[in-house]
Amino acid sequence: MSFSIAGKTAIVTGAANGVGLAIARHFVNQGAQVMFADMDEARLEAEVDAISTSDSHARYFAGDLRQKLTLANLLSATIDEFDRVDILVNASRQVIHSDALNPDDDAFATLMDQNVVTSLRLSQTVARRMIKQAEGSDQAERNIGSIINLTSIASRRTHAGLMSFSIACAALDQMTRSMAVALAKHNIRVNAVAIGSVMSASLRDALKEDSDLRGRVADATPLGRIGEADEVAEAVQYLASDGAGFVTGQILTVDGGRTLIDPVVTPSH
């Protein structure tokens, strides 16, 4: 069984920067046709132009994916460019610090809308297209589509200032499992990648503000370093490929072992 995604068509959200961009770039390098989706049109255009060659298949779509019409337009644009969609990667995430005692703090509503509801709606929209594509097939396919959600170890190891983000991640984990069961009869697999000590856009910003953070993160991680976004992309490729054809409803953790140890104990090196 191959882990190749060459020739497949993927939509990757959050593709203007960070982990989402790394996934989209990696997919293009692996021979997939990729629609880069995000709100930042200038960044999308620059990134797609930078990797586009005569034989590459990278396109971009800019819009606010929290709007239902925008989701429909994203799918239509993908079909117009590539005729089909085989993979959806919901990599658009927002991290906001929240105050558990502030009733006016809107972080919870914002993060649920951005990180969970948008991913749910887009997954439903794309899944219907995947099912429609399979209807014209002469043979029953074992895997007609793969959906991968990008979540976080915050659903299991939280911080007081990230309460709303942690709740949203836990909801996304459960959405992954629930959709996996619901879509299994259609041969659509749904999985997630939970990231921890990985160089995401939010972690990069945090490192700029706190010069000691890198060392603390490394000390709290058994592998002793911050992971690279490309390492997440490799995990996403595995879940998207036919090589993971019997894998669904799983939360694959990419955190250098950070969730394996007691955070109170500092590992020795």
C-alpha atoms as a PDB file:
ATOM      1  CA  MET A   1       0.000   0.000   0.000  1.00  0.00           C
ATOM      2  CA  SER A   2       1.376   3.393  -1.004  1.00  0.00           C
ATOM      3  CA  PHE A   3       1.544   6.633   0.946  1.00  0.00           C
ATOM      4  CA  SER A   4       1.526   8.541  -2.333  1.00  0.00           C
ATOM      5  CA  ILE A   5      -0.966  11.369  -2.895  1.00  0.00           C
ATOM      6  CA  ALA A   6       0.242  12.114  -6.428  1.00  0.00           C
ATOM      7  CA  GLY A   7      -2.619  12.964  -8.753  1.00  0.00           C
ATOM      8  CA  LYS A   8      -5.091  13.571  -5.930  1.00  0.00           C
ATOM      9  CA  THR A   9      -6.825  16.908  -5.429  1.00  0.00           C
ATOM     10  CA  ALA A  10      -6.700  18.553  -2.012  1.00  0.00           C
ATOM     11  CA  ILE A  11      -8.165  21.627  -0.362  1.00  0.00           C
ATOM     12  CA  VAL A  12      -5.982  22.970   2.449  1.00  0.00           C
ATOM     13  CA  THR A  13      -7.341  25.774   4.626  1.00  0.00           C
ATOM     14  CA  GLY A  14      -5.144  28.071   6.683  1.00  0.00           C
ATOM     15  CA  ALA A  15      -2.668  27.834   3.819  1.00  0.00           C
ATOM     16  CA  ALA A  16      -1.300  31.379   3.914  1.00  0.00           C
ATOM     17  CA  ASN A  17       1.167  30.713   6.734  1.00  0.00           C
ATOM     18  CA  GLY A  18       2.398  28.346   9.417  1.00  0.00           C
ATOM     19  CA  VAL A  19       1.476  24.694   9.481  1.00  0.00           C
ATOM     20  CA  GLY A  20      -1.297  25.061   6.904  1.00  0.00           C
ATOM     21  CA  LEU A  21       1.152  26.526   4.407  1.00  0.00           C
ATOM     22  CA  ALA A  22       3.667  23.756   5.126  1.00  0.00           C
ATOM     23  CA  ILE A  23       1.007  21.118   4.447  1.00  0.00           C
ATOM     24  CA  ALA A  24      -0.113  22.753   1.207  1.00  0.00           C
ATOM     25  CA  ARG A  25       3.474  23.124  -0.033  1.00  0.00           C
ATOM     26  CA  HIS A  26       4.283  19.543   0.900  1.00  0.00           C
ATOM     27  CA  PHE A  27       1.246  18.231  -0.956  1.00  0.00           C
ATOM     28  CA  VAL A  28       2.275  20.112  -4.097  1.00  0.00           C
ATOM     29  CA  ASN A  29       5.791  18.699  -3.812  1.00  0.00           C
ATOM     30  CA  GLN A  30       4.271  15.215  -3.544  1.00  0.00           C
ATOM     31  CA  GLY A  31       2.430  15.649  -6.834  1.00  0.00           C
ATOM     32  CA  ALA A  32      -1.038  16.586  -5.590  1.00  0.00           C
ATOM     33  CA  GLN A  33      -3.259  19.272  -7.061  1.00  0.00           C
ATOM     34  CA  VAL A  34      -3.795  21.744  -4.236  1.00  0.00           C
ATOM     35  CA  MET A  35      -6.188  24.603  -3.583  1.00  0.00           C
ATOM     36  CA  PHE A  36      -4.597  26.910  -1.012  1.00  0.00           C
ATOM     37  CA  ALA A  37      -7.421  28.562   0.987  1.00  0.00           C
ATOM     38  CA  ASP A  38      -7.215  31.426   3.479  1.00  0.00           C
ATOM     39  CA  MET A  39      -8.384  34.993   4.117  1.00  0.00           C
ATOM     40  CA  ASP A  40      -5.045  36.656   3.317  1.00  0.00           C
ATOM     41  CA  GLU A  41      -5.141  37.005  -0.465  1.00  0.00           C
ATOM     42  CA  ALA A  42      -1.811  38.815  -0.730  1.00  0.00           C
ATOM     43  CA  ARG A  43       0.037  36.066   1.136  1.00  0.00           C
ATOM     44  CA  LEU A  44      -1.757  33.339  -0.806  1.00  0.00           C
ATOM     45  CA  GLU A  45      -0.889  34.897  -4.139  1.00  0.00           C
ATOM     46  CA  ALA A  46       2.748  35.348  -3.155  1.00  0.00           C
ATOM     47  CA  GLU A  47       3.099  31.790  -1.859  1.00  0.00           C
ATOM     48  CA  VAL A  48       1.414  30.154  -4.849  1.00  0.00           C
ATOM     49  CA  ASP A  49       3.411  32.275  -7.299  1.00  0.00           C
ATOM     50  CA  ALA A  50       6.625  31.279  -5.513  1.00  0.00           C
ATOM     51  CA  ILE A  51       6.037  27.544  -5.937  1.00  0.00           C
ATOM     52  CA  SER A  52       4.239  27.495  -9.259  1.00  0.00           C
ATOM     53  CA  THR A  53       6.064  26.001 -12.219  1.00  0.00           C
ATOM     54  CA  SER A  54       4.882  24.848 -15.609  1.00  0.00           C
ATOM     55  CA  ASP A  55       3.983  21.446 -14.220  1.00  0.00           C
ATOM     56  CA  SER A  56       2.807  22.346 -10.691  1.00  0.00           C
ATOM     57  CA  HIS A  57      -0.849  22.323  -9.758  1.00  0.00           C
ATOM     58  CA  ALA A  58      -1.253  24.969  -7.086  1.00  0.00           C
ATOM     59  CA  ARG A  59      -4.111  27.457  -7.016  1.00  0.00           C
ATOM     60  CA  TYR A  60      -5.475  29.719  -4.309  1.00  0.00           C
ATOM     61  CA  PHE A  61      -8.845  30.882  -3.017  1.00  0.00           C
ATOM     62  CA  ALA A  62      -9.198  33.886  -0.703  1.00  0.00           C
ATOM     63  CA  GLY A  63     -12.253  34.442   1.448  1.00  0.00           C
ATOM     64  CA  ASP A  64     -13.797  34.339   4.896  1.00  0.00           C
ATOM     65  CA  LEU A  65     -14.566  30.656   5.367  1.00  0.00           C
ATOM     66  CA  ARG A  66     -16.820  31.438   8.313  1.00  0.00           C
ATOM     67  CA  GLN A  67     -19.423  32.441   5.722  1.00  0.00           C
ATOM     68  CA  LYS A  68     -21.495  29.597   4.272  1.00  0.00           C
ATOM     69  CA  LEU A  69     -21.524  31.075   0.758  1.00  0.00           C
ATOM     70  CA  THR A  70     -17.736  31.332   0.808  1.00  0.00           C
ATOM     71  CA  LEU A  71     -17.466  27.617   1.569  1.00  0.00           C
ATOM     72  CA  ALA A  72     -19.633  26.809  -1.430  1.00  0.00           C
ATOM     73  CA  ASN A  73     -17.555  29.131  -3.587  1.00  0.00           C
ATOM     74  CA  LEU A  74     -14.336  27.460  -2.424  1.00  0.00           C
ATOM     75  CA  LEU A  75     -15.617  24.065  -3.483  1.00  0.00           C
ATOM     76  CA  SER A  76     -16.858  25.434  -6.814  1.00  0.00           C
ATOM     77  CA  ALA A  77     -13.493  27.056  -7.499  1.00  0.00           C
ATOM     78  CA  THR A  78     -11.725  23.771  -6.749  1.00  0.00           C
ATOM     79  CA  ILE A  79     -14.001  21.797  -9.059  1.00  0.00           C
ATOM     80  CA  ASP A  80     -13.593  24.399 -11.808  1.00  0.00           C
ATOM     81  CA  GLU A  81      -9.797  24.124 -11.571  1.00  0.00           C
ATOM     82  CA  PHE A  82      -9.327  20.404 -10.914  1.00  0.00           C
ATOM     83  CA  ASP A  83     -12.688  18.694 -11.623  1.00  0.00           C
ATOM     84  CA  ARG A  84     -12.777  16.865  -8.291  1.00  0.00           C
ATOM     85  CA  VAL A  85     -11.701  16.865  -4.643  1.00  0.00           C
ATOM     86  CA  ASP A  86     -10.198  13.857  -2.859  1.00  0.00           C
ATOM     87  CA  ILE A  87      -8.681  15.348   0.303  1.00  0.00           C
ATOM     88  CA  LEU A  88      -9.721  18.106   2.686  1.00  0.00           C
ATOM     89  CA  VAL A  89      -7.305  19.413   5.303  1.00  0.00           C
ATOM     90  CA  ASN A  90      -8.936  21.740   7.836  1.00  0.00           C
ATOM     91  CA  ALA A  91      -5.732  23.456   8.961  1.00  0.00           C
ATOM     92  CA  SER A  92      -7.164  26.909   9.674  1.00  0.00           C
ATOM     93  CA  ARG A  93      -6.798  27.517  13.413  1.00  0.00           C
ATOM     94  CA  GLN A  94      -6.956  30.548  15.629  1.00  0.00           C
ATOM     95  CA  VAL A  95      -5.397  30.760  19.099  1.00  0.00           C
ATOM     96  CA  ILE A  96      -6.743  33.416  21.478  1.00  0.00           C
ATOM     97  CA  HIS A  97      -5.934  33.879  25.141  1.00  0.00           C
ATOM     98  CA  SER A  98      -9.077  33.904  27.255  1.00  0.00           C
ATOM     99  CA  ASP A  99     -10.154  34.952  30.733  1.00  0.00           C
ATOM    100  CA  ALA A 100     -12.275  32.328  32.491  1.00  0.00           C
ATOM    101  CA  LEU A 101     -13.715  34.943  34.874  1.00  0.00           C
ATOM    102  CA  ASN A 102     -14.633  37.573  32.305  1.00  0.00           C
ATOM    103  CA  PRO A 103     -18.251  37.226  31.116  1.00  0.00           C
ATOM    104  CA  ASP A 104     -17.560  39.666  28.270  1.00  0.00           C
ATOM    105  CA  ASP A 105     -14.669  37.607  26.907  1.00  0.00           C
ATOM    106  CA  ASP A 106     -15.801  36.473  23.435  1.00  0.00           C
ATOM    107  CA  ALA A 107     -12.845  34.144  22.811  1.00  0.00           C
ATOM    108  CA  PHE A 108     -15.014  31.062  23.248  1.00  0.00           C
ATOM    109  CA  ALA A 109     -17.569  32.061  20.600  1.00  0.00           C
ATOM    110  CA  THR A 110     -14.824  33.218  18.225  1.00  0.00           C
ATOM    111  CA  LEU A 111     -12.793  30.020  18.523  1.00  0.00           C
ATOM    112  CA  MET A 112     -15.775  27.709  18.272  1.00  0.00           C
ATOM    113  CA  ASP A 113     -16.868  29.505  15.115  1.00  0.00           C
ATOM    114  CA  GLN A 114     -13.415  29.632  13.524  1.00  0.00           C
ATOM    115  CA  ASN A 115     -11.914  26.318  14.623  1.00  0.00           C
ATOM    116  CA  VAL A 116     -14.927  24.023  14.911  1.00  0.00           C
ATOM    117  CA  VAL A 117     -18.052  25.245  13.113  1.00  0.00           C
ATOM    118  CA  THR A 118     -16.188  26.311   9.973  1.00  0.00           C
ATOM    119  CA  SER A 119     -14.380  22.964   9.801  1.00  0.00           C
ATOM    120  CA  LEU A 120     -17.669  21.116  10.306  1.00  0.00           C
ATOM    121  CA  ARG A 121     -19.487  23.026   7.575  1.00  0.00           C
ATOM    122  CA  LEU A 122     -16.662  22.688   5.066  1.00  0.00           C
ATOM    123  CA  SER A 123     -16.324  18.973   5.833  1.00  0.00           C
ATOM    124  CA  GLN A 124     -20.041  18.485   5.202  1.00  0.00           C
ATOM    125  CA  THR A 125     -19.868  20.446   1.952  1.00  0.00           C
ATOM    126  CA  VAL A 126     -16.828  18.568   0.643  1.00  0.00           C
ATOM    127  CA  ALA A 127     -18.111  15.163   1.807  1.00  0.00           C
ATOM    128  CA  ARG A 128     -21.279  15.601  -0.248  1.00  0.00           C
ATOM    129  CA  ARG A 129     -19.113  16.280  -3.311  1.00  0.00           C
ATOM    130  CA  MET A 130     -16.965  13.219  -2.621  1.00  0.00           C
ATOM    131  CA  ILE A 131     -20.073  11.043  -2.432  1.00  0.00           C
ATOM    132  CA  LYS A 132     -21.402  12.512  -5.689  1.00  0.00           C
ATOM    133  CA  GLN A 133     -18.077  11.818  -7.429  1.00  0.00           C
ATOM    134  CA  ALA A 134     -18.234   8.165  -6.398  1.00  0.00           C
ATOM    135  CA  GLU A 135     -21.746   7.689  -7.770  1.00  0.00           C
ATOM    136  CA  GLY A 136     -20.450   7.617 -11.333  1.00  0.00           C
ATOM    137  CA  SER A 137     -17.776   5.051 -10.611  1.00  0.00           C
ATOM    138  CA  ASP A 138     -18.128   1.584 -12.168  1.00  0.00           C
ATOM    139  CA  GLN A 139     -16.473  -0.034  -9.163  1.00  0.00           C
ATOM    140  CA  ALA A 140     -17.061   0.385  -5.467  1.00  0.00           C
ATOM    141  CA  GLU A 141     -14.095   2.271  -4.042  1.00  0.00           C
ATOM    142  CA  ARG A 142     -12.666   1.498  -0.641  1.00  0.00           C
ATOM    143  CA  ASN A 143     -11.642   5.116  -0.108  1.00  0.00           C
ATOM    144  CA  ILE A 144     -13.493   7.863  -1.915  1.00  0.00           C
ATOM    145  CA  GLY A 145     -12.136  10.660   0.239  1.00  0.00           C
ATOM    146  CA  SER A 146     -10.120  11.676   3.275  1.00  0.00           C
ATOM    147  CA  ILE A 147     -10.728  14.551   5.694  1.00  0.00           C
ATOM    148  CA  ILE A 148      -8.024  15.593   8.152  1.00  0.00           C
ATOM    149  CA  ASN A 149      -8.539  18.147  10.925  1.00  0.00           C
ATOM    150  CA  LEU A 150      -5.660  20.019  12.522  1.00  0.00           C
ATOM    151  CA  THR A 151      -6.151  20.134  16.280  1.00  0.00           C
ATOM    152  CA  SER A 152      -3.931  20.470  19.351  1.00  0.00           C
ATOM    153  CA  ILE A 153      -2.752  18.669  22.451  1.00  0.00           C
ATOM    154  CA  ALA A 154      -4.486  21.537  24.311  1.00  0.00           C
ATOM    155  CA  SER A 155      -7.568  19.318  24.339  1.00  0.00           C
ATOM    156  CA  ARG A 156      -5.691  17.117  26.843  1.00  0.00           C
ATOM    157  CA  ARG A 157      -3.019  19.352  28.399  1.00  0.00           C
ATOM    158  CA  THR A 158      -4.413  22.804  28.958  1.00  0.00           C
ATOM    159  CA  HIS A 159      -3.360  26.191  30.309  1.00  0.00           C
ATOM    160  CA  ALA A 160      -5.627  28.548  32.260  1.00  0.00           C
ATOM    161  CA  GLY A 161      -5.131  31.305  29.710  1.00  0.00           C
ATOM    162  CA  LEU A 162      -6.091  28.991  26.835  1.00  0.00           C
ATOM    163  CA  MET A 163      -9.330  27.636  28.269  1.00  0.00           C
ATOM    164  CA  SER A 164     -11.477  28.554  25.263  1.00  0.00           C
ATOM    165  CA  PHE A 165      -8.916  27.188  22.813  1.00  0.00           C
ATOM    166  CA  SER A 166      -8.703  23.947  24.776  1.00  0.00           C
ATOM    167  CA  ILE A 167     -12.485  23.514  24.729  1.00  0.00           C
ATOM    168  CA  ALA A 168     -12.580  24.169  20.987  1.00  0.00           C
ATOM    169  CA  CYS A 169      -9.839  21.582  20.402  1.00  0.00           C
ATOM    170  CA  ALA A 170     -11.710  19.000  22.464  1.00  0.00           C
ATOM    171  CA  ALA A 171     -14.838  19.701  20.401  1.00  0.00           C
ATOM    172  CA  LEU A 172     -12.845  19.278  17.191  1.00  0.00           C
ATOM    173  CA  ASP A 173     -11.489  15.948  18.420  1.00  0.00           C
ATOM    174  CA  GLN A 174     -15.008  14.696  19.091  1.00  0.00           C
ATOM    175  CA  MET A 175     -16.249  16.079  15.769  1.00  0.00           C
ATOM    176  CA  THR A 176     -13.494  14.041  14.076  1.00  0.00           C
ATOM    177  CA  ARG A 177     -14.621  10.833  15.746  1.00  0.00           C
ATOM    178  CA  SER A 178     -18.320  11.483  15.165  1.00  0.00           C
ATOM    179  CA  MET A 179     -17.894  12.332  11.484  1.00  0.00           C
ATOM    180  CA  ALA A 180     -15.669   9.279  11.011  1.00  0.00           C
ATOM    181  CA  VAL A 181     -18.518   7.046  12.145  1.00  0.00           C
ATOM    182  CA  ALA A 182     -21.152   8.949  10.162  1.00  0.00           C
ATOM    183  CA  LEU A 183     -19.183   8.944   6.899  1.00  0.00           C
ATOM    184  CA  ALA A 184     -17.719   5.447   7.151  1.00  0.00           C
ATOM    185  CA  LYS A 185     -20.615   3.939   5.184  1.00  0.00           C
ATOM    186  CA  HIS A 186     -19.650   6.255   2.313  1.00  0.00           C
ATOM    187  CA  ASN A 187     -15.970   5.160   2.486  1.00  0.00           C
ATOM    188  CA  ILE A 188     -14.862   8.612   3.571  1.00  0.00           C
ATOM    189  CA  ARG A 189     -12.224   8.575   6.290  1.00  0.00           C
ATOM    190  CA  VAL A 190     -11.988  11.353   8.910  1.00  0.00           C
ATOM    191  CA  ASN A 191      -8.929  11.759  11.135  1.00  0.00           C
ATOM    192  CA  ALA A 192      -7.038  14.511  12.947  1.00  0.00           C
ATOM    193  CA  VAL A 193      -3.479  15.517  13.742  1.00  0.00           C
ATOM    194  CA  ALA A 194      -2.982  17.015  17.208  1.00  0.00           C
ATOM    195  CA  ILE A 195       0.107  19.177  17.345  1.00  0.00           C
ATOM    196  CA  GLY A 196       2.067  20.230  20.381  1.00  0.00           C
ATOM    197  CA  SER A 197       5.668  21.413  20.326  1.00  0.00           C
ATOM    198  CA  VAL A 198       5.610  22.385  16.652  1.00  0.00           C
ATOM    199  CA  MET A 199       6.722  25.644  15.027  1.00  0.00           C
ATOM    200  CA  SER A 200       3.274  26.983  14.174  1.00  0.00           C
ATOM    201  CA  ALA A 201       2.523  30.636  13.459  1.00  0.00           C
ATOM    202  CA  SER A 202       1.174  31.125  16.982  1.00  0.00           C
ATOM    203  CA  LEU A 203       4.238  29.528  18.616  1.00  0.00           C
ATOM    204  CA  ARG A 204       6.583  31.610  16.476  1.00  0.00           C
ATOM    205  CA  ASP A 205       4.821  34.773  17.683  1.00  0.00           C
ATOM    206  CA  ALA A 206       5.019  33.588  21.297  1.00  0.00           C
ATOM    207  CA  LEU A 207       8.754  32.919  20.978  1.00  0.00           C
ATOM    208  CA  LYS A 208       9.289  36.497  19.824  1.00  0.00           C
ATOM    209  CA  GLU A 209       7.565  37.807  22.939  1.00  0.00           C
ATOM    210  CA  ASP A 210       9.253  35.449  25.427  1.00  0.00           C
ATOM    211  CA  SER A 211      12.965  34.774  24.925  1.00  0.00           C
ATOM    212  CA  ASP A 212      12.959  31.949  27.490  1.00  0.00           C
ATOM    213  CA  LEU A 213      10.017  30.060  26.010  1.00  0.00           C
ATOM    214  CA  ARG A 214      12.044  27.980  23.563  1.00  0.00           C
ATOM    215  CA  GLY A 215      14.081  26.483  26.371  1.00  0.00           C
ATOM    216  CA  ARG A 216      11.010  25.740  28.500  1.00  0.00           C
ATOM    217  CA  VAL A 217       9.250  24.019  25.610  1.00  0.00           C
ATOM    218  CA  ALA A 218      12.335  21.946  24.808  1.00  0.00           C
ATOM    219  CA  ASP A 219      12.685  20.929  28.468  1.00  0.00           C
ATOM    220  CA  ALA A 220       9.038  19.836  28.546  1.00  0.00           C
ATOM    221  CA  THR A 221       9.455  17.728  25.400  1.00  0.00           C
ATOM    222  CA  PRO A 222      11.127  14.299  25.623  1.00  0.00           C
ATOM    223  CA  LEU A 223      12.702  14.706  22.175  1.00  0.00           C
ATOM    224  CA  GLY A 224      14.215  17.950  23.448  1.00  0.00           C
ATOM    225  CA  ARG A 225      13.284  20.283  20.619  1.00  0.00           C
ATOM    226  CA  ILE A 226      10.489  22.124  18.848  1.00  0.00           C
ATOM    227  CA  GLY A 227       9.116  20.196  15.891  1.00  0.00           C
ATOM    228  CA  GLU A 228       9.012  21.510  12.329  1.00  0.00           C
ATOM    229  CA  ALA A 229       5.819  22.213  10.402  1.00  0.00           C
ATOM    230  CA  ASP A 230       7.010  19.843   7.677  1.00  0.00           C
ATOM    231  CA  GLU A 231       6.893  16.999  10.196  1.00  0.00           C
ATOM    232  CA  VAL A 232       3.195  17.674  10.662  1.00  0.00           C
ATOM    233  CA  ALA A 233       2.763  17.711   6.889  1.00  0.00           C
ATOM    234  CA  GLU A 234       4.258  14.225   6.666  1.00  0.00           C
ATOM    235  CA  ALA A 235       1.738  12.942   9.223  1.00  0.00           C
ATOM    236  CA  VAL A 236      -1.121  14.564   7.330  1.00  0.00           C
ATOM    237  CA  GLN A 237       0.074  12.966   4.089  1.00  0.00           C
ATOM    238  CA  TYR A 238      -0.006   9.536   5.737  1.00  0.00           C
ATOM    239  CA  LEU A 239      -3.614  10.002   6.848  1.00  0.00           C
ATOM    240  CA  ALA A 240      -4.592  11.343   3.422  1.00  0.00           C
ATOM    241  CA  SER A 241      -3.024   8.459   1.524  1.00  0.00           C
ATOM    242  CA  ASP A 242      -4.419   5.052   0.634  1.00  0.00           C
ATOM    243  CA  GLY A 243      -1.775   3.622   2.945  1.00  0.00           C
ATOM    244  CA  ALA A 244      -4.033   4.696   5.819  1.00  0.00           C
ATOM    245  CA  GLY A 245      -7.052   3.136   4.141  1.00  0.00           C
ATOM    246  CA  PHE A 246      -8.194   1.317   7.301  1.00  0.00           C
ATOM    247  CA  VAL A 247      -7.555   4.280   9.632  1.00  0.00           C
ATOM    248  CA  THR A 248     -10.472   6.508  10.613  1.00  0.00           C
ATOM    249  CA  GLY A 249     -11.611   8.424  13.669  1.00  0.00           C
ATOM    250  CA  GLN A 250      -8.054   8.673  15.019  1.00  0.00           C
ATOM    251  CA  ILE A 251      -6.236  11.612  16.604  1.00  0.00           C
ATOM    252  CA  LEU A 252      -2.576  11.276  15.587  1.00  0.00           C
ATOM    253  CA  THR A 253      -0.395  13.201  18.041  1.00  0.00           C
ATOM    254  CA  VAL A 254       2.717  15.002  16.765  1.00  0.00           C
ATOM    255  CA  ASP A 255       4.291  16.594  19.828  1.00  0.00           C
ATOM    256  CA  GLY A 256       7.720  15.057  20.428  1.00  0.00           C
ATOM    257  CA  GLY A 257       6.290  13.114  23.363  1.00  0.00           C
ATOM    258  CA  ARG A 258       5.157  16.173  25.293  1.00  0.00           C
ATOM    259  CA  THR A 259       1.860  14.616  26.400  1.00  0.00           C
ATOM    260  CA  LEU A 260       3.641  11.554  27.779  1.00  0.00           C
ATOM    261  CA  ILE A 261       5.244  13.131  30.828  1.00  0.00           C
ATOM    262  CA  ASP A 262       4.170  14.898  34.000  1.00  0.00           C
ATOM    263  CA  PRO A 263       4.584  18.641  33.281  1.00  0.00           C
ATOM    264  CA  VAL A 264       5.641  19.229  36.900  1.00  0.00           C
ATOM    265  CA  VAL A 265       8.754  17.094  36.446  1.00  0.00           C
ATOM    266  CA  THR A 266      11.579  18.570  34.385  1.00  0.00           C
ATOM    267  CA  PRO A 267      13.246  15.807  32.348  1.00  0.00           C
ATOM    268  CA  SER A 268      16.984  15.550  32.604  1.00  0.00           C
ATOM    269  CA  HIS A 269      19.184  15.715  29.492  1.00  0.00           C
END
